[in-house]
PDB file of N, CA and C in Angstrom:
ATOM      1  N   MET A   1       0.838  -1.171   0.000  1.00  0.00           N
ATOM      2  CA  MET A   1       0.000   0.000   0.000  1.00  0.00           C
ATOM      3  C   MET A   1       0.885   1.236   0.000  1.00  0.00           C
ATOM      4  N   ASN A   2       0.672   2.111  -0.930  1.00  0.00           N
ATOM      5  CA  ASN A   2       1.474   3.313  -1.069  1.00  0.00           C
ATOM      6  C   ASN A   2       0.714   4.488  -0.488  1.00  0.00           C
ATOM      7  N   THR A   3       1.225   5.051   0.610  1.00  0.00           N
ATOM      8  CA  THR A   3       0.561   6.194   1.228  1.00  0.00           C
ATOM      9  C   THR A   3       1.496   7.379   1.254  1.00  0.00           C
ATOM     10  N   THR A   4       0.925   8.554   1.313  1.00  0.00           N
ATOM     11  CA  THR A   4       1.711   9.771   1.437  1.00  0.00           C
ATOM     12  C   THR A   4       1.449  10.370   2.797  1.00  0.00           C
ATOM     13  N   ASP A   5       2.214  11.382   3.159  1.00  0.00           N
ATOM     14  CA  ASP A   5       2.055  12.011   4.465  1.00  0.00           C
ATOM     15  C   ASP A   5       0.708  12.685   4.637  1.00  0.00           C
ATOM     16  N   ASN A   6       0.014  12.935   3.550  1.00  0.00           N
ATOM     17  CA  ASN A   6      -1.263  13.642   3.631  1.00  0.00           C
ATOM     18  C   ASN A   6      -2.458  12.733   3.420  1.00  0.00           C
ATOM     19  N   SER A   7      -2.248  11.434   3.457  1.00  0.00           N
ATOM     20  CA  SER A   7      -3.356  10.514   3.234  1.00  0.00           C
ATOM     21  C   SER A   7      -4.317  10.574   4.412  1.00  0.00           C
ATOM     22  N   PRO A   8      -5.579  10.257   4.178  1.00  0.00           N
ATOM     23  CA  PRO A   8      -6.542  10.244   5.293  1.00  0.00           C
ATOM     24  C   PRO A   8      -6.104   9.329   6.433  1.00  0.00           C
ATOM     25  N   MET A   9      -5.491   8.197   6.116  1.00  0.00           N
ATOM     26  CA  MET A   9      -5.053   7.282   7.175  1.00  0.00           C
ATOM     27  C   MET A   9      -3.970   7.934   8.024  1.00  0.00           C
ATOM     28  N   ASP A  10      -3.021   8.619   7.398  1.00  0.00           N
ATOM     29  CA  ASP A  10      -1.965   9.292   8.146  1.00  0.00           C
ATOM     30  C   ASP A  10      -2.550  10.366   9.057  1.00  0.00           C
ATOM     31  N   LYS A  11      -3.552  11.089   8.565  1.00  0.00           N
ATOM     32  CA  LYS A  11      -4.201  12.115   9.386  1.00  0.00           C
ATOM     33  C   LYS A  11      -4.922  11.472  10.566  1.00  0.00           C
ATOM     34  N   ASP A  12      -5.566  10.342  10.326  1.00  0.00           N
ATOM     35  CA  ASP A  12      -6.254   9.619  11.411  1.00  0.00           C
ATOM     36  C   ASP A  12      -5.258   9.130  12.454  1.00  0.00           C
ATOM     37  N   VAL A  13      -4.132   8.610  12.001  1.00  0.00           N
ATOM     38  CA  VAL A  13      -3.112   8.121  12.921  1.00  0.00           C
ATOM     39  C   VAL A  13      -2.553   9.281  13.747  1.00  0.00           C
ATOM     40  N   ALA A  14      -2.297  10.409  13.106  1.00  0.00           N
ATOM     41  CA  ALA A  14      -1.790  11.581  13.824  1.00  0.00           C
ATOM     42  C   ALA A  14      -2.804  12.061  14.852  1.00  0.00           C
ATOM     43  N   PHE A  15      -4.076  12.094  14.473  1.00  0.00           N
ATOM     44  CA  PHE A  15      -5.127  12.507  15.405  1.00  0.00           C
ATOM     45  C   PHE A  15      -5.199  11.545  16.585  1.00  0.00           C
ATOM     46  N   LEU A  16      -5.151  10.252  16.321  1.00  0.00           N
ATOM     47  CA  LEU A  16      -5.225   9.255  17.388  1.00  0.00           C
ATOM     48  C   LEU A  16      -4.029   9.388  18.333  1.00  0.00           C
ATOM     49  N   ARG A  17      -2.837   9.612  17.785  1.00  0.00           N
ATOM     50  CA  ARG A  17      -1.658   9.797  18.637  1.00  0.00           C
ATOM     51  C   ARG A  17      -1.808  11.015  19.537  1.00  0.00           C
ATOM     52  N   GLU A  18      -2.320  12.125  18.982  1.00  0.00           N
ATOM     53  CA  GLU A  18      -2.537  13.325  19.789  1.00  0.00           C
ATOM     54  C   GLU A  18      -3.555  13.057  20.894  1.00  0.00           C
ATOM     55  N   LEU A  19      -4.614  12.361  20.563  1.00  0.00           N
ATOM     56  CA  LEU A  19      -5.647  12.030  21.538  1.00  0.00           C
ATOM     57  C   LEU A  19      -5.085  11.145  22.649  1.00  0.00           C
ATOM     58  N   MET A  20      -4.340  10.124  22.284  1.00  0.00           N
ATOM     59  CA  MET A  20      -3.762   9.234  23.285  1.00  0.00           C
ATOM     60  C   MET A  20      -2.751   9.968  24.168  1.00  0.00           C
ATOM     61  N   ASP A  21      -1.984  10.886  23.581  1.00  0.00           N
ATOM     62  CA  ASP A  21      -1.040  11.685  24.371  1.00  0.00           C
ATOM     63  C   ASP A  21      -1.787  12.558  25.378  1.00  0.00           C
ATOM     64  N   GLU A  22      -2.905  13.142  24.957  1.00  0.00           N
ATOM     65  CA  GLU A  22      -3.698  13.975  25.858  1.00  0.00           C
ATOM     66  C   GLU A  22      -4.276  13.140  27.002  1.00  0.00           C
ATOM     67  N   ILE A  23      -4.777  11.969  26.687  1.00  0.00           N
ATOM     68  CA  ILE A  23      -5.311  11.072  27.722  1.00  0.00           C
ATOM     69  C   ILE A  23      -4.199  10.696  28.702  1.00  0.00           C
ATOM     70  N   SER A  24      -3.030  10.388  28.178  1.00  0.00           N
ATOM     71  CA  SER A  24      -1.887  10.025  29.011  1.00  0.00           C
ATOM     72  C   SER A  24      -1.486  11.178  29.925  1.00  0.00           C
ATOM     73  N   ASP A  25      -1.429  12.385  29.370  1.00  0.00           N
ATOM     74  CA  ASP A  25      -1.068  13.558  30.172  1.00  0.00           C
ATOM     75  C   ASP A  25      -2.067  13.781  31.297  1.00  0.00           C
ATOM     76  N   ARG A  26      -3.341  13.637  31.004  1.00  0.00           N
ATOM     77  CA  ARG A  26      -4.379  13.825  32.029  1.00  0.00           C
ATOM     78  C   ARG A  26      -4.280  12.756  33.113  1.00  0.00           C
ATOM     79  N   ALA A  27      -4.002  11.524  32.711  1.00  0.00           N
ATOM     80  CA  ALA A  27      -3.870  10.443  33.690  1.00  0.00           C
ATOM     81  C   ALA A  27      -2.679  10.699  34.610  1.00  0.00           C
ATOM     82  N   ARG A  28      -1.559  11.122  34.034  1.00  0.00           N
ATOM     83  CA  ARG A  28      -0.378  11.434  34.853  1.00  0.00           C
ATOM     84  C   ARG A  28      -0.663  12.590  35.802  1.00  0.00           C
ATOM     85  N   ALA A  29      -1.373  13.612  35.323  1.00  0.00           N
ATOM     86  CA  ALA A  29      -1.705  14.768  36.162  1.00  0.00           C
ATOM     87  C   ALA A  29      -2.579  14.356  37.343  1.00  0.00           C
ATOM     88  N   ARG A  30      -3.341  13.291  37.169  1.00  0.00           N
ATOM     89  CA  ARG A  30      -4.210  12.791  38.245  1.00  0.00           C
ATOM     90  C   ARG A  30      -3.508  11.765  39.122  1.00  0.00           C
ATOM     91  N   GLY A  31      -2.231  11.523  38.851  1.00  0.00           N
ATOM     92  CA  GLY A  31      -1.445  10.646  39.711  1.00  0.00           C
ATOM     93  C   GLY A  31      -1.294   9.213  39.232  1.00  0.00           C
ATOM     94  N   LEU A  32      -1.775   8.901  38.059  1.00  0.00           N
ATOM     95  CA  LEU A  32      -1.632   7.534  37.560  1.00  0.00           C
ATOM     96  C   LEU A  32      -0.205   7.319  37.066  1.00  0.00           C
ATOM     97  N   THR A  33       0.435   6.303  37.592  1.00  0.00           N
ATOM     98  CA  THR A  33       1.789   5.951  37.168  1.00  0.00           C
ATOM     99  C   THR A  33       1.732   4.640  36.380  1.00  0.00           C
ATOM    100  N   PRO A  34       2.782   4.339  35.629  1.00  0.00           N
ATOM    101  CA  PRO A  34       2.802   3.056  34.923  1.00  0.00           C
ATOM    102  C   PRO A  34       2.630   1.869  35.873  1.00  0.00           C
ATOM    103  N   GLU A  35       3.201   1.983  37.075  1.00  0.00           N
ATOM    104  CA  GLU A  35       3.097   0.890  38.047  1.00  0.00           C
ATOM    105  C   GLU A  35       1.652   0.718  38.530  1.00  0.00           C
ATOM    106  N   ILE A  36       0.983   1.825  38.801  1.00  0.00           N
ATOM    107  CA  ILE A  36      -0.415   1.749  39.233  1.00  0.00           C
ATOM    108  C   ILE A  36      -1.273   1.168  38.117  1.00  0.00           C
ATOM    109  N   LEU A  37      -1.058   1.628  36.899  1.00  0.00           N
ATOM    110  CA  LEU A  37      -1.823   1.110  35.763  1.00  0.00           C
ATOM    111  C   LEU A  37      -1.599  -0.383  35.609  1.00  0.00           C
ATOM    112  N   GLU A  38      -0.366  -0.828  35.701  1.00  0.00           N
ATOM    113  CA  GLU A  38      -0.071  -2.262  35.587  1.00  0.00           C
ATOM    114  C   GLU A  38      -0.801  -3.041  36.687  1.00  0.00           C
ATOM    115  N   SER A  39      -0.793  -2.520  37.900  1.00  0.00           N
ATOM    116  CA  SER A  39      -1.477  -3.167  39.011  1.00  0.00           C
ATOM    117  C   SER A  39      -2.981  -3.290  38.746  1.00  0.00           C
ATOM    118  N   ILE A  40      -3.566  -2.222  38.237  1.00  0.00           N
ATOM    119  CA  ILE A  40      -5.001  -2.228  37.917  1.00  0.00           C
ATOM    120  C   ILE A  40      -5.298  -3.263  36.839  1.00  0.00           C
ATOM    121  N   LEU A  41      -4.472  -3.290  35.810  1.00  0.00           N
ATOM    122  CA  LEU A  41      -4.710  -4.213  34.686  1.00  0.00           C
ATOM    123  C   LEU A  41      -4.490  -5.662  35.081  1.00  0.00           C
ATOM    124  N   ASN A  42      -3.665  -5.900  36.094  1.00  0.00           N
ATOM    125  CA  ASN A  42      -3.381  -7.279  36.520  1.00  0.00           C
ATOM    126  C   ASN A  42      -4.326  -7.796  37.592  1.00  0.00           C
ATOM    127  N   GLU A  43      -5.262  -6.953  38.061  1.00  0.00           N
ATOM    128  CA  GLU A  43      -6.215  -7.423  39.069  1.00  0.00           C
ATOM    129  C   GLU A  43      -7.109  -8.502  38.482  1.00  0.00           C
ATOM    130  N   SER A  44      -7.452  -9.452  39.305  1.00  0.00           N
ATOM    131  CA  SER A  44      -8.307 -10.552  38.837  1.00  0.00           C
ATOM    132  C   SER A  44      -9.739 -10.323  39.208  1.00  0.00           C
TER     133      SER A  44
END
């Protein structure tokens, strides 16, 4: 598949990365650490 930097998929990927970065920043600001997240995800 041949894509360029301006393809709709590239724009979607860039948007998703920005969104995930914002979510990550907000989680860190609220005190969520990678260790806490891992603990939550490993709960049974």
